[in-house]
C-alpha atoms as a PDB file:
ATOM      1  CA  MET A   1     -20.712   6.519   9.681  1.00  0.00           C
ATOM      2  CA  THR A   2     -19.694   7.444   6.154  1.00  0.00           C
ATOM      3  CA  LYS A   3     -16.904   9.664   4.855  1.00  0.00           C
ATOM      4  CA  ALA A   4     -19.486  12.425   4.301  1.00  0.00           C
ATOM      5  CA  ASP A   5     -20.577  12.117   7.951  1.00  0.00           C
ATOM      6  CA  ILE A   6     -16.969  12.413   9.092  1.00  0.00           C
ATOM      7  CA  VAL A   7     -16.459  15.505   6.924  1.00  0.00           C
ATOM      8  CA  ASN A   8     -19.644  17.074   8.341  1.00  0.00           C
ATOM      9  CA  GLU A   9     -18.587  16.356  11.947  1.00  0.00           C
ATOM     10  CA  ILE A  10     -15.121  17.843  11.460  1.00  0.00           C
ATOM     11  CA  ALA A  11     -16.472  20.895   9.625  1.00  0.00           C
ATOM     12  CA  LYS A  12     -19.048  21.494  12.359  1.00  0.00           C
ATOM     13  CA  SER A  13     -16.599  21.121  15.256  1.00  0.00           C
ATOM     14  CA  THR A  14     -13.735  23.144  13.717  1.00  0.00           C
ATOM     15  CA  GLY A  15     -15.568  25.747  11.651  1.00  0.00           C
ATOM     16  CA  ILE A  16     -13.511  24.877   8.556  1.00  0.00           C
ATOM     17  CA  GLU A  17     -15.332  24.712   5.208  1.00  0.00           C
ATOM     18  CA  LYS A  18     -16.566  21.264   4.150  1.00  0.00           C
ATOM     19  CA  VAL A  19     -14.629  21.401   0.860  1.00  0.00           C
ATOM     20  CA  THR A  20     -11.349  21.939   2.699  1.00  0.00           C
ATOM     21  CA  VAL A  21     -12.137  19.223   5.235  1.00  0.00           C
ATOM     22  CA  GLN A  22     -13.061  16.786   2.465  1.00  0.00           C
ATOM     23  CA  LYS A  23      -9.759  17.423   0.652  1.00  0.00           C
ATOM     24  CA  THR A  24      -7.881  16.893   3.924  1.00  0.00           C
ATOM     25  CA  VAL A  25      -9.687  13.642   4.759  1.00  0.00           C
ATOM     26  CA  GLU A  26      -9.131  12.313   1.236  1.00  0.00           C
ATOM     27  CA  ALA A  27      -5.445  13.321   1.377  1.00  0.00           C
ATOM     28  CA  LEU A  28      -5.082  11.422   4.676  1.00  0.00           C
ATOM     29  CA  MET A  29      -6.676   8.319   3.189  1.00  0.00           C
ATOM     30  CA  GLU A  30      -4.519   8.507   0.051  1.00  0.00           C
ATOM     31  CA  SER A  31      -1.408   8.935   2.191  1.00  0.00           C
ATOM     32  CA  ILE A  32      -2.272   5.853   4.251  1.00  0.00           C
ATOM     33  CA  LYS A  33      -3.059   3.812   1.106  1.00  0.00           C
ATOM     34  CA  GLY A  34       0.138   4.953  -0.593  1.00  0.00           C
ATOM     35  CA  SER A  35       2.272   4.052   2.393  1.00  0.00           C
ATOM     36  CA  MET A  36       0.664   0.628   2.767  1.00  0.00           C
ATOM     37  CA  THR A  37       0.971  -0.229  -0.943  1.00  0.00           C
ATOM     38  CA  LYS A  38       4.711   0.322  -0.532  1.00  0.00           C
ATOM     39  CA  GLY A  39       4.698  -2.187   2.343  1.00  0.00           C
ATOM     40  CA  ASN A  40       4.982   0.375   5.144  1.00  0.00           C
ATOM     41  CA  ASP A  41       2.832   0.385   8.273  1.00  0.00           C
ATOM     42  CA  VAL A  42       1.085   3.548   9.522  1.00  0.00           C
ATOM     43  CA  TYR A  43       0.942   4.278  13.253  1.00  0.00           C
ATOM     44  CA  LEU A  44      -1.481   6.863  14.685  1.00  0.00           C
ATOM     45  CA  ARG A  45      -0.781   7.174  18.405  1.00  0.00           C
ATOM     46  CA  GLY A  46      -3.931   6.874  20.500  1.00  0.00           C
ATOM     47  CA  PHE A  47      -5.978   5.679  17.501  1.00  0.00           C
ATOM     48  CA  GLY A  48      -4.378   2.558  16.069  1.00  0.00           C
ATOM     49  CA  SER A  49      -2.101   1.025  13.471  1.00  0.00           C
ATOM     50  CA  PHE A  50      -2.716   0.265   9.825  1.00  0.00           C
ATOM     51  CA  VAL A  51      -0.463  -2.713   9.121  1.00  0.00           C
ATOM     52  CA  VAL A  52       0.311  -4.888   6.118  1.00  0.00           C
ATOM     53  CA  LYS A  53      -0.083  -8.581   6.978  1.00  0.00           C
ATOM     54  CA  LYS A  54       1.418 -11.442   5.027  1.00  0.00           C
ATOM     55  CA  ARG A  55      -0.856 -14.383   4.279  1.00  0.00           C
ATOM     56  CA  ALA A  56       0.923 -17.670   3.641  1.00  0.00           C
ATOM     57  CA  ALA A  57       0.299 -19.773   0.540  1.00  0.00           C
ATOM     58  CA  LYS A  58      -2.434 -22.356   1.024  1.00  0.00           C
ATOM     59  CA  THR A  59      -4.364 -25.034  -0.789  1.00  0.00           C
ATOM     60  CA  ALA A  60      -8.068 -24.448  -1.360  1.00  0.00           C
ATOM     61  CA  ARG A  61     -10.742 -26.808  -2.649  1.00  0.00           C
ATOM     62  CA  ASN A  62     -13.617 -26.184  -5.026  1.00  0.00           C
ATOM     63  CA  ILE A  63     -16.109 -28.712  -3.719  1.00  0.00           C
ATOM     64  CA  SER A  64     -18.536 -28.497  -6.643  1.00  0.00           C
ATOM     65  CA  LYS A  65     -15.813 -29.205  -9.246  1.00  0.00           C
ATOM     66  CA  LYS A  66     -13.791 -31.464  -6.922  1.00  0.00           C
ATOM     67  CA  THR A  67     -10.554 -29.630  -7.724  1.00  0.00           C
ATOM     68  CA  THR A  68      -7.851 -28.045  -5.641  1.00  0.00           C
ATOM     69  CA  ILE A  69      -6.008 -24.826  -6.307  1.00  0.00           C
ATOM     70  CA  VAL A  70      -3.020 -23.193  -4.664  1.00  0.00           C
ATOM     71  CA  ILE A  71      -3.567 -19.669  -3.423  1.00  0.00           C
ATOM     72  CA  PRO A  72      -0.160 -17.954  -3.469  1.00  0.00           C
ATOM     73  CA  GLU A  73       1.134 -15.945  -0.538  1.00  0.00           C
ATOM     74  CA  HIS A  74      -0.192 -12.411  -0.554  1.00  0.00           C
ATOM     75  CA  PHE A  75      -0.459  -9.274   1.562  1.00  0.00           C
ATOM     76  CA  VAL A  76      -3.613  -7.761   3.052  1.00  0.00           C
ATOM     77  CA  PRO A  77      -4.264  -4.471   4.878  1.00  0.00           C
ATOM     78  CA  SER A  78      -5.276  -4.695   8.513  1.00  0.00           C
ATOM     79  CA  PHE A  79      -6.175  -2.289  11.322  1.00  0.00           C
ATOM     80  CA  LYS A  80      -5.258  -2.789  14.951  1.00  0.00           C
ATOM     81  CA  PRO A  81      -6.885  -0.270  17.310  1.00  0.00           C
ATOM     82  CA  ALA A  82      -4.909   1.303  20.154  1.00  0.00           C
ATOM     83  CA  LYS A  83      -5.554  -0.125  23.611  1.00  0.00           C
ATOM     84  CA  GLY A  84      -7.275   3.030  24.865  1.00  0.00           C
ATOM     85  CA  PHE A  85      -9.485   3.108  21.769  1.00  0.00           C
ATOM     86  CA  SER A  86     -10.472  -0.556  22.222  1.00  0.00           C
ATOM     87  CA  ASN A  87     -11.241  -0.059  25.895  1.00  0.00           C
ATOM     88  CA  ALA A  88     -13.377   3.020  25.186  1.00  0.00           C
ATOM     89  CA  VAL A  89     -15.438   1.081  22.621  1.00  0.00           C
ATOM     90  CA  LYS A  90     -15.827  -1.910  24.940  1.00  0.00           C
ATOM     91  CA  LYS A  91     -17.157   0.298  27.730  1.00  0.00           C
ATOM     92  CA  SER A  92     -19.479   2.513  25.700  1.00  0.00           C
ATOM     93  CA  VAL A  93     -21.068   0.311  23.025  1.00  0.00           C
ATOM     94  CA  LYS A  94     -24.024  -1.753  24.146  1.00  0.00           C
ATOM     95  CA  LYS A  95     -25.251  -4.892  22.411  1.00  0.00           C
ATOM     96  CA  LYS A  96     -28.174  -4.377  20.069  1.00  0.00           C
END
């Protein structure tokens, strides 16, 4: 499902114009991104949590050049679904 599909679904189910829905969806995404770039987590009850995870520094190897490099510690965005959301997906999605 793409962002356009989400906008279409919301517009169809609420009766709100697609342009307004698109602005709202984009504002939500920008708000989540802005909060996470500041190091804050975002919690949406019943849906899940967007959290910032810290990755420790580590040594990596380039096998073809036979060299090692140090990857510094860094932060990555992550999503953890709510328990009810996870259970609903587990029960309804069938293997392809």
